[in-house]
Amino acid sequence: KLQHAFDLKRMGFDTWVRIGLTSAVNIFIGLIVILNPFSTVAWLMRLVGIGFLFSGVTDLITTIYVSKKASEYYVDGKAEETDEEIK
């Protein structure tokens, strides 16, 4: 990514800064993992747990939302209108 950032800078694109910053963050995180692997594992497990919680909450919200919209679709008769249009 760092090489891509330098290439974009040479070509005159402004987005090289964002890509350069993300590559710097990746390098920094990689150094932390290499220099302190045992505490990194504890943080990784916390991050995975947070990710699972986030995924579960968003799945629940999405399921409730889609279920509500589907029931509105079928109760309001929109599904029947679509079926009649097909025939």
PDB file of N, CA and C in Angstrom:
ATOM      1  N   LYS A   1       0.824  -1.191   0.000  1.00  0.00           N
ATOM      2  CA  LYS A   1       0.000   0.000   0.000  1.00  0.00           C
ATOM      3  C   LYS A   1       0.865   1.251   0.000  1.00  0.00           C
ATOM      4  N   LEU A   2       1.967   1.182   0.683  1.00  0.00           N
ATOM      5  CA  LEU A   2       2.857   2.335   0.733  1.00  0.00           C
ATOM      6  C   LEU A   2       3.403   2.647  -0.657  1.00  0.00           C
ATOM      7  N   GLN A   3       3.727   1.601  -1.405  1.00  0.00           N
ATOM      8  CA  GLN A   3       4.214   1.808  -2.773  1.00  0.00           C
ATOM      9  C   GLN A   3       3.113   2.407  -3.650  1.00  0.00           C
ATOM     10  N   HIS A   4       1.887   1.959  -3.464  1.00  0.00           N
ATOM     11  CA  HIS A   4       0.763   2.530  -4.221  1.00  0.00           C
ATOM     12  C   HIS A   4       0.606   4.018  -3.894  1.00  0.00           C
ATOM     13  N   ALA A   5       0.776   4.366  -2.618  1.00  0.00           N
ATOM     14  CA  ALA A   5       0.657   5.771  -2.217  1.00  0.00           C
ATOM     15  C   ALA A   5       1.723   6.619  -2.917  1.00  0.00           C
ATOM     16  N   PHE A   6       2.953   6.125  -2.955  1.00  0.00           N
ATOM     17  CA  PHE A   6       4.018   6.868  -3.634  1.00  0.00           C
ATOM     18  C   PHE A   6       3.762   6.967  -5.141  1.00  0.00           C
ATOM     19  N   ASP A   7       3.218   5.887  -5.716  1.00  0.00           N
ATOM     20  CA  ASP A   7       2.895   5.925  -7.146  1.00  0.00           C
ATOM     21  C   ASP A   7       1.814   6.962  -7.435  1.00  0.00           C
ATOM     22  N   LEU A   8       0.790   7.008  -6.599  1.00  0.00           N
ATOM     23  CA  LEU A   8      -0.284   7.979  -6.789  1.00  0.00           C
ATOM     24  C   LEU A   8       0.218   9.409  -6.593  1.00  0.00           C
ATOM     25  N   LYS A   9       1.132   9.591  -5.655  1.00  0.00           N
ATOM     26  CA  LYS A   9       1.700  10.919  -5.451  1.00  0.00           C
ATOM     27  C   LYS A   9       2.469  11.361  -6.691  1.00  0.00           C
ATOM     28  N   ARG A  10       3.243  10.447  -7.250  1.00  0.00           N
ATOM     29  CA  ARG A  10       4.009  10.750  -8.448  1.00  0.00           C
ATOM     30  C   ARG A  10       3.096  11.091  -9.635  1.00  0.00           C
ATOM     31  N   MET A  11       1.912  10.459  -9.675  1.00  0.00           N
ATOM     32  CA  MET A  11       0.961  10.716 -10.764  1.00  0.00           C
ATOM     33  C   MET A  11       0.127  11.966 -10.521  1.00  0.00           C
ATOM     34  N   GLY A  12       0.216  12.550  -9.312  1.00  0.00           N
ATOM     35  CA  GLY A  12      -0.478  13.797  -9.041  1.00  0.00           C
ATOM     36  C   GLY A  12      -1.864  13.649  -8.443  1.00  0.00           C
ATOM     37  N   PHE A  13      -2.212  12.476  -7.937  1.00  0.00           N
ATOM     38  CA  PHE A  13      -3.527  12.279  -7.327  1.00  0.00           C
ATOM     39  C   PHE A  13      -3.486  12.671  -5.854  1.00  0.00           C
ATOM     40  N   ASP A  14      -4.591  13.272  -5.378  1.00  0.00           N
ATOM     41  CA  ASP A  14      -4.661  13.707  -3.986  1.00  0.00           C
ATOM     42  C   ASP A  14      -4.939  12.560  -3.017  1.00  0.00           C
ATOM     43  N   THR A  15      -5.438  11.448  -3.521  1.00  0.00           N
ATOM     44  CA  THR A  15      -5.807  10.335  -2.635  1.00  0.00           C
ATOM     45  C   THR A  15      -4.606   9.596  -2.077  1.00  0.00           C
ATOM     46  N   TRP A  16      -3.411   9.960  -2.492  1.00  0.00           N
ATOM     47  CA  TRP A  16      -2.223   9.260  -2.007  1.00  0.00           C
ATOM     48  C   TRP A  16      -2.057   9.430  -0.506  1.00  0.00           C
ATOM     49  N   VAL A  17      -2.563  10.538   0.037  1.00  0.00           N
ATOM     50  CA  VAL A  17      -2.406  10.782   1.472  1.00  0.00           C
ATOM     51  C   VAL A  17      -3.205   9.752   2.278  1.00  0.00           C
ATOM     52  N   ARG A  18      -4.449   9.511   1.880  1.00  0.00           N
ATOM     53  CA  ARG A  18      -5.279   8.536   2.595  1.00  0.00           C
ATOM     54  C   ARG A  18      -4.682   7.138   2.520  1.00  0.00           C
ATOM     55  N   ILE A  19      -4.232   6.759   1.352  1.00  0.00           N
ATOM     56  CA  ILE A  19      -3.652   5.433   1.198  1.00  0.00           C
ATOM     57  C   ILE A  19      -2.340   5.341   1.973  1.00  0.00           C
ATOM     58  N   GLY A  20      -1.564   6.417   1.978  1.00  0.00           N
ATOM     59  CA  GLY A  20      -0.334   6.436   2.757  1.00  0.00           C
ATOM     60  C   GLY A  20      -0.589   6.310   4.246  1.00  0.00           C
ATOM     61  N   LEU A  21      -1.631   6.988   4.727  1.00  0.00           N
ATOM     62  CA  LEU A  21      -1.969   6.892   6.151  1.00  0.00           C
ATOM     63  C   LEU A  21      -2.433   5.492   6.530  1.00  0.00           C
ATOM     64  N   THR A  22      -3.250   4.872   5.684  1.00  0.00           N
ATOM     65  CA  THR A  22      -3.699   3.517   5.996  1.00  0.00           C
ATOM     66  C   THR A  22      -2.531   2.534   5.964  1.00  0.00           C
ATOM     67  N   SER A  23      -1.595   2.737   5.058  1.00  0.00           N
ATOM     68  CA  SER A  23      -0.436   1.845   5.037  1.00  0.00           C
ATOM     69  C   SER A  23       0.438   2.072   6.266  1.00  0.00           C
ATOM     70  N   ALA A  24       0.558   3.307   6.728  1.00  0.00           N
ATOM     71  CA  ALA A  24       1.326   3.590   7.942  1.00  0.00           C
ATOM     72  C   ALA A  24       0.675   2.937   9.163  1.00  0.00           C
ATOM     73  N   VAL A  25      -0.652   2.977   9.226  1.00  0.00           N
ATOM     74  CA  VAL A  25      -1.362   2.323  10.322  1.00  0.00           C
ATOM     75  C   VAL A  25      -1.131   0.817  10.266  1.00  0.00           C
ATOM     76  N   ASN A  26      -1.192   0.236   9.070  1.00  0.00           N
ATOM     77  CA  ASN A  26      -0.940  -1.199   8.925  1.00  0.00           C
ATOM     78  C   ASN A  26       0.471  -1.560   9.365  1.00  0.00           C
ATOM     79  N   ILE A  27       1.436  -0.755   9.014  1.00  0.00           N
ATOM     80  CA  ILE A  27       2.818  -1.009   9.422  1.00  0.00           C
ATOM     81  C   ILE A  27       2.942  -0.921  10.940  1.00  0.00           C
ATOM     82  N   PHE A  28       2.327   0.089  11.538  1.00  0.00           N
ATOM     83  CA  PHE A  28       2.366   0.264  12.988  1.00  0.00           C
ATOM     84  C   PHE A  28       1.742  -0.936  13.704  1.00  0.00           C
ATOM     85  N   ILE A  29       0.576  -1.368  13.242  1.00  0.00           N
ATOM     86  CA  ILE A  29      -0.086  -2.521  13.860  1.00  0.00           C
ATOM     87  C   ILE A  29       0.762  -3.778  13.689  1.00  0.00           C
ATOM     88  N   GLY A  30       1.368  -3.941  12.524  1.00  0.00           N
ATOM     89  CA  GLY A  30       2.238  -5.088  12.300  1.00  0.00           C
ATOM     90  C   GLY A  30       3.421  -5.098  13.250  1.00  0.00           C
ATOM     91  N   LEU A  31       4.004  -3.944  13.491  1.00  0.00           N
ATOM     92  CA  LEU A  31       5.124  -3.862  14.435  1.00  0.00           C
ATOM     93  C   LEU A  31       4.690  -4.216  15.854  1.00  0.00           C
ATOM     94  N   ILE A  32       3.513  -3.752  16.243  1.00  0.00           N
ATOM     95  CA  ILE A  32       3.001  -4.078  17.582  1.00  0.00           C
ATOM     96  C   ILE A  32       2.803  -5.586  17.710  1.00  0.00           C
ATOM     97  N   VAL A  33       2.242  -6.208  16.688  1.00  0.00           N
ATOM     98  CA  VAL A  33       2.006  -7.652  16.729  1.00  0.00           C
ATOM     99  C   VAL A  33       3.331  -8.405  16.818  1.00  0.00           C
ATOM    100  N   ILE A  34       4.333  -7.956  16.091  1.00  0.00           N
ATOM    101  CA  ILE A  34       5.628  -8.637  16.111  1.00  0.00           C
ATOM    102  C   ILE A  34       6.343  -8.430  17.452  1.00  0.00           C
ATOM    103  N   LEU A  35       6.310  -7.215  17.977  1.00  0.00           N
ATOM    104  CA  LEU A  35       7.065  -6.907  19.191  1.00  0.00           C
ATOM    105  C   LEU A  35       6.386  -7.365  20.480  1.00  0.00           C
ATOM    106  N   ASN A  36       5.065  -7.484  20.482  1.00  0.00           N
ATOM    107  CA  ASN A  36       4.345  -7.855  21.695  1.00  0.00           C
ATOM    108  C   ASN A  36       3.203  -8.818  21.355  1.00  0.00           C
ATOM    109  N   PRO A  37       3.528 -10.048  20.973  1.00  0.00           N
ATOM    110  CA  PRO A  37       2.483 -10.948  20.460  1.00  0.00           C
ATOM    111  C   PRO A  37       1.478 -11.415  21.505  1.00  0.00           C
ATOM    112  N   PHE A  38       1.884 -11.546  22.787  1.00  0.00           N
ATOM    113  CA  PHE A  38       0.971 -12.124  23.768  1.00  0.00           C
ATOM    114  C   PHE A  38      -0.147 -11.173  24.170  1.00  0.00           C
ATOM    115  N   SER A  39       0.147  -9.905  24.349  1.00  0.00           N
ATOM    116  CA  SER A  39      -0.941  -8.980  24.678  1.00  0.00           C
ATOM    117  C   SER A  39      -1.774  -8.687  23.437  1.00  0.00           C
ATOM    118  N   THR A  40      -1.179  -8.858  22.261  1.00  0.00           N
ATOM    119  CA  THR A  40      -1.929  -8.676  21.019  1.00  0.00           C
ATOM    120  C   THR A  40      -3.031  -9.714  20.896  1.00  0.00           C
ATOM    121  N   VAL A  41      -2.755 -10.936  21.364  1.00  0.00           N
ATOM    122  CA  VAL A  41      -3.769 -12.000  21.306  1.00  0.00           C
ATOM    123  C   VAL A  41      -4.970 -11.630  22.161  1.00  0.00           C
ATOM    124  N   ALA A  42      -4.725 -11.078  23.343  1.00  0.00           N
ATOM    125  CA  ALA A  42      -5.838 -10.679  24.217  1.00  0.00           C
ATOM    126  C   ALA A  42      -6.688  -9.599  23.554  1.00  0.00           C
ATOM    127  N   TRP A  43      -6.045  -8.622  22.934  1.00  0.00           N
ATOM    128  CA  TRP A  43      -6.793  -7.575  22.232  1.00  0.00           C
ATOM    129  C   TRP A  43      -7.542  -8.139  21.036  1.00  0.00           C
ATOM    130  N   LEU A  44      -6.924  -9.082  20.353  1.00  0.00           N
ATOM    131  CA  LEU A  44      -7.579  -9.691  19.195  1.00  0.00           C
ATOM    132  C   LEU A  44      -8.844 -10.426  19.614  1.00  0.00           C
ATOM    133  N   MET A  45      -8.777 -11.137  20.732  1.00  0.00           N
ATOM    134  CA  MET A  45      -9.961 -11.854  21.207  1.00  0.00           C
ATOM    135  C   MET A  45     -11.069 -10.879  21.602  1.00  0.00           C
ATOM    136  N   ARG A  46     -10.698  -9.761  22.204  1.00  0.00           N
ATOM    137  CA  ARG A  46     -11.700  -8.738  22.528  1.00  0.00           C
ATOM    138  C   ARG A  46     -12.329  -8.171  21.260  1.00  0.00           C
ATOM    139  N   LEU A  47     -11.484  -7.921  20.279  1.00  0.00           N
ATOM    140  CA  LEU A  47     -11.979  -7.370  19.014  1.00  0.00           C
ATOM    141  C   LEU A  47     -12.917  -8.353  18.311  1.00  0.00           C
ATOM    142  N   VAL A  48     -12.572  -9.620  18.333  1.00  0.00           N
ATOM    143  CA  VAL A  48     -13.445 -10.641  17.734  1.00  0.00           C
ATOM    144  C   VAL A  48     -14.775 -10.694  18.479  1.00  0.00           C
ATOM    145  N   GLY A  49     -14.731 -10.627  19.802  1.00  0.00           N
ATOM    146  CA  GLY A  49     -15.963 -10.627  20.591  1.00  0.00           C
ATOM    147  C   GLY A  49     -16.841  -9.424  20.277  1.00  0.00           C
ATOM    148  N   ILE A  50     -16.234  -8.255  20.170  1.00  0.00           N
ATOM    149  CA  ILE A  50     -16.982  -7.051  19.811  1.00  0.00           C
ATOM    150  C   ILE A  50     -17.581  -7.204  18.419  1.00  0.00           C
ATOM    151  N   GLY A  51     -16.813  -7.785  17.512  1.00  0.00           N
ATOM    152  CA  GLY A  51     -17.319  -8.011  16.152  1.00  0.00           C
ATOM    153  C   GLY A  51     -18.521  -8.941  16.131  1.00  0.00           C
ATOM    154  N   PHE A  52     -18.476 -10.019  16.938  1.00  0.00           N
ATOM    155  CA  PHE A  52     -19.614 -10.935  17.010  1.00  0.00           C
ATOM    156  C   PHE A  52     -20.838 -10.245  17.603  1.00  0.00           C
ATOM    157  N   LEU A  53     -20.639  -9.441  18.641  1.00  0.00           N
ATOM    158  CA  LEU A  53     -21.762  -8.699  19.225  1.00  0.00           C
ATOM    159  C   LEU A  53     -22.372  -7.743  18.210  1.00  0.00           C
ATOM    160  N   PHE A  54     -21.529  -7.008  17.506  1.00  0.00           N
ATOM    161  CA  PHE A  54     -22.011  -6.071  16.496  1.00  0.00           C
ATOM    162  C   PHE A  54     -22.780  -6.808  15.402  1.00  0.00           C
ATOM    163  N   SER A  55     -22.242  -7.932  14.955  1.00  0.00           N
ATOM    164  CA  SER A  55     -22.897  -8.708  13.911  1.00  0.00           C
ATOM    165  C   SER A  55     -24.264  -9.214  14.380  1.00  0.00           C
ATOM    166  N   GLY A  56     -24.318  -9.692  15.609  1.00  0.00           N
ATOM    167  CA  GLY A  56     -25.589 -10.187  16.139  1.00  0.00           C
ATOM    168  C   GLY A  56     -26.633  -9.094  16.252  1.00  0.00           C
ATOM    169  N   VAL A  57     -26.239  -7.941  16.751  1.00  0.00           N
ATOM    170  CA  VAL A  57     -27.181  -6.823  16.904  1.00  0.00           C
ATOM    171  C   VAL A  57     -27.669  -6.345  15.542  1.00  0.00           C
ATOM    172  N   THR A  58     -26.755  -6.194  14.579  1.00  0.00           N
ATOM    173  CA  THR A  58     -27.178  -5.736  13.255  1.00  0.00           C
ATOM    174  C   THR A  58     -28.048  -6.778  12.550  1.00  0.00           C
ATOM    175  N   ASP A  59     -27.771  -8.074  12.764  1.00  0.00           N
ATOM    176  CA  ASP A  59     -28.635  -9.115  12.197  1.00  0.00           C
ATOM    177  C   ASP A  59     -30.033  -9.041  12.795  1.00  0.00           C
ATOM    178  N   LEU A  60     -30.116  -8.828  14.087  1.00  0.00           N
ATOM    179  CA  LEU A  60     -31.414  -8.727  14.747  1.00  0.00           C
ATOM    180  C   LEU A  60     -32.199  -7.533  14.230  1.00  0.00           C
ATOM    181  N   ILE A  61     -31.549  -6.382  14.144  1.00  0.00           N
ATOM    182  CA  ILE A  61     -32.209  -5.177  13.646  1.00  0.00           C
ATOM    183  C   ILE A  61     -32.667  -5.364  12.202  1.00  0.00           C
ATOM    184  N   THR A  62     -31.811  -5.952  11.373  1.00  0.00           N
ATOM    185  CA  THR A  62     -32.154  -6.173   9.968  1.00  0.00           C
ATOM    186  C   THR A  62     -33.333  -7.133   9.842  1.00  0.00           C
ATOM    187  N   THR A  63     -33.332  -8.197  10.637  1.00  0.00           N
ATOM    188  CA  THR A  63     -34.427  -9.170  10.583  1.00  0.00           C
ATOM    189  C   THR A  63     -35.746  -8.531  10.983  1.00  0.00           C
ATOM    190  N   ILE A  64     -35.734  -7.735  12.043  1.00  0.00           N
ATOM    191  CA  ILE A  64     -36.962  -7.058  12.481  1.00  0.00           C
ATOM    192  C   ILE A  64     -37.445  -6.084  11.408  1.00  0.00           C
ATOM    193  N   TYR A  65     -36.534  -5.320  10.826  1.00  0.00           N
ATOM    194  CA  TYR A  65     -36.897  -4.339   9.804  1.00  0.00           C
ATOM    195  C   TYR A  65     -37.487  -5.014   8.570  1.00  0.00           C
ATOM    196  N   VAL A  66     -36.813  -6.058   8.081  1.00  0.00           N
ATOM    197  CA  VAL A  66     -37.288  -6.748   6.875  1.00  0.00           C
ATOM    198  C   VAL A  66     -38.611  -7.443   7.157  1.00  0.00           C
ATOM    199  N   SER A  67     -38.760  -8.022   8.330  1.00  0.00           N
ATOM    200  CA  SER A  67     -40.016  -8.673   8.687  1.00  0.00           C
ATOM    201  C   SER A  67     -41.160  -7.662   8.708  1.00  0.00           C
ATOM    202  N   LYS A  68     -40.910  -6.488   9.267  1.00  0.00           N
ATOM    203  CA  LYS A  68     -41.936  -5.439   9.314  1.00  0.00           C
ATOM    204  C   LYS A  68     -42.313  -4.997   7.901  1.00  0.00           C
ATOM    205  N   LYS A  69     -41.314  -4.765   7.055  1.00  0.00           N
ATOM    206  CA  LYS A  69     -41.590  -4.325   5.689  1.00  0.00           C
ATOM    207  C   LYS A  69     -42.302  -5.405   4.883  1.00  0.00           C
ATOM    208  N   ALA A  70     -41.941  -6.678   5.103  1.00  0.00           N
ATOM    209  CA  ALA A  70     -42.592  -7.766   4.382  1.00  0.00           C
ATOM    210  C   ALA A  70     -44.049  -7.897   4.810  1.00  0.00           C
ATOM    211  N   SER A  71     -44.320  -7.742   6.113  1.00  0.00           N
ATOM    212  CA  SER A  71     -45.710  -7.843   6.558  1.00  0.00           C
ATOM    213  C   SER A  71     -46.530  -6.673   6.021  1.00  0.00           C
ATOM    214  N   GLU A  72     -45.932  -5.473   5.956  1.00  0.00           N
ATOM    215  CA  GLU A  72     -46.635  -4.337   5.354  1.00  0.00           C
ATOM    216  C   GLU A  72     -46.920  -4.612   3.880  1.00  0.00           C
ATOM    217  N   TYR A  73     -45.976  -5.222   3.206  1.00  0.00           N
ATOM    218  CA  TYR A  73     -46.117  -5.510   1.779  1.00  0.00           C
ATOM    219  C   TYR A  73     -47.274  -6.468   1.527  1.00  0.00           C
ATOM    220  N   TYR A  74     -47.357  -7.504   2.364  1.00  0.00           N
ATOM    221  CA  TYR A  74     -48.413  -8.492   2.156  1.00  0.00           C
ATOM    222  C   TYR A  74     -49.749  -8.038   2.728  1.00  0.00           C
ATOM    223  N   VAL A  75     -49.762  -7.307   3.830  1.00  0.00           N
ATOM    224  CA  VAL A  75     -51.008  -6.863   4.452  1.00  0.00           C
ATOM    225  C   VAL A  75     -51.656  -5.759   3.629  1.00  0.00           C
ATOM    226  N   ASP A  76     -50.854  -4.850   3.098  1.00  0.00           N
ATOM    227  CA  ASP A  76     -51.405  -3.743   2.308  1.00  0.00           C
ATOM    228  C   ASP A  76     -51.887  -4.187   0.938  1.00  0.00           C
ATOM    229  N   GLY A  77     -51.664  -5.426   0.573  1.00  0.00           N
ATOM    230  CA  GLY A  77     -52.140  -5.924  -0.707  1.00  0.00           C
ATOM    231  C   GLY A  77     -51.226  -5.609  -1.876  1.00  0.00           C
ATOM    232  N   LYS A  78     -50.043  -5.122  -1.619  1.00  0.00           N
ATOM    233  CA  LYS A  78     -49.114  -4.813  -2.711  1.00  0.00           C
ATOM    234  C   LYS A  78     -48.671  -6.079  -3.424  1.00  0.00           C
ATOM    235  N   ALA A  79     -48.593  -7.176  -2.694  1.00  0.00           N
ATOM    236  CA  ALA A  79     -48.185  -8.438  -3.311  1.00  0.00           C
ATOM    237  C   ALA A  79     -49.240  -8.899  -4.300  1.00  0.00           C
ATOM    238  N   GLU A  80     -50.529  -8.705  -3.968  1.00  0.00           N
ATOM    239  CA  GLU A  80     -51.599  -9.108  -4.872  1.00  0.00           C
ATOM    240  C   GLU A  80     -51.597  -8.256  -6.127  1.00  0.00           C
ATOM    241  N   GLU A  81     -51.329  -6.962  -5.984  1.00  0.00           N
ATOM    242  CA  GLU A  81     -51.260  -6.081  -7.145  1.00  0.00           C
ATOM    243  C   GLU A  81     -50.162  -6.529  -8.092  1.00  0.00           C
ATOM    244  N   THR A  82     -49.039  -6.921  -7.551  1.00  0.00           N
ATOM    245  CA  THR A  82     -47.934  -7.388  -8.366  1.00  0.00           C
ATOM    246  C   THR A  82     -48.301  -8.670  -9.079  1.00  0.00           C
ATOM    247  N   ASP A  83     -48.997  -9.576  -8.371  1.00  0.00           N
ATOM    248  CA  ASP A  83     -49.418 -10.833  -8.994  1.00  0.00           C
ATOM    249  C   ASP A  83     -50.380 -10.574 -10.144  1.00  0.00           C
ATOM    250  N   GLU A  84     -51.303  -9.608  -9.991  1.00  0.00           N
ATOM    251  CA  GLU A  84     -52.258  -9.299 -11.040  1.00  0.00           C
ATOM    252  C   GLU A  84     -51.567  -8.672 -12.236  1.00  0.00           C
ATOM    253  N   GLU A  85     -50.538  -7.875 -11.997  1.00  0.00           N
ATOM    254  CA  GLU A  85     -49.796  -7.247 -13.090  1.00  0.00           C
ATOM    255  C   GLU A  85     -49.062  -8.304 -13.918  1.00  0.00           C
ATOM    256  N   ILE A  86     -48.622  -9.367 -13.270  1.00  0.00           N
ATOM    257  CA  ILE A  86     -47.903 -10.423 -13.978  1.00  0.00           C
ATOM    258  C   ILE A  86     -48.842 -11.191 -14.891  1.00  0.00           C
ATOM    259  N   LYS A  87     -50.090 -11.400 -14.443  1.00  0.00           N
ATOM    260  CA  LYS A  87     -51.062 -12.166 -15.237  1.00  0.00           C
ATOM    261  C   LYS A  87     -51.497 -11.334 -16.374  1.00  0.00           C
TER     262      LYS A  87
END
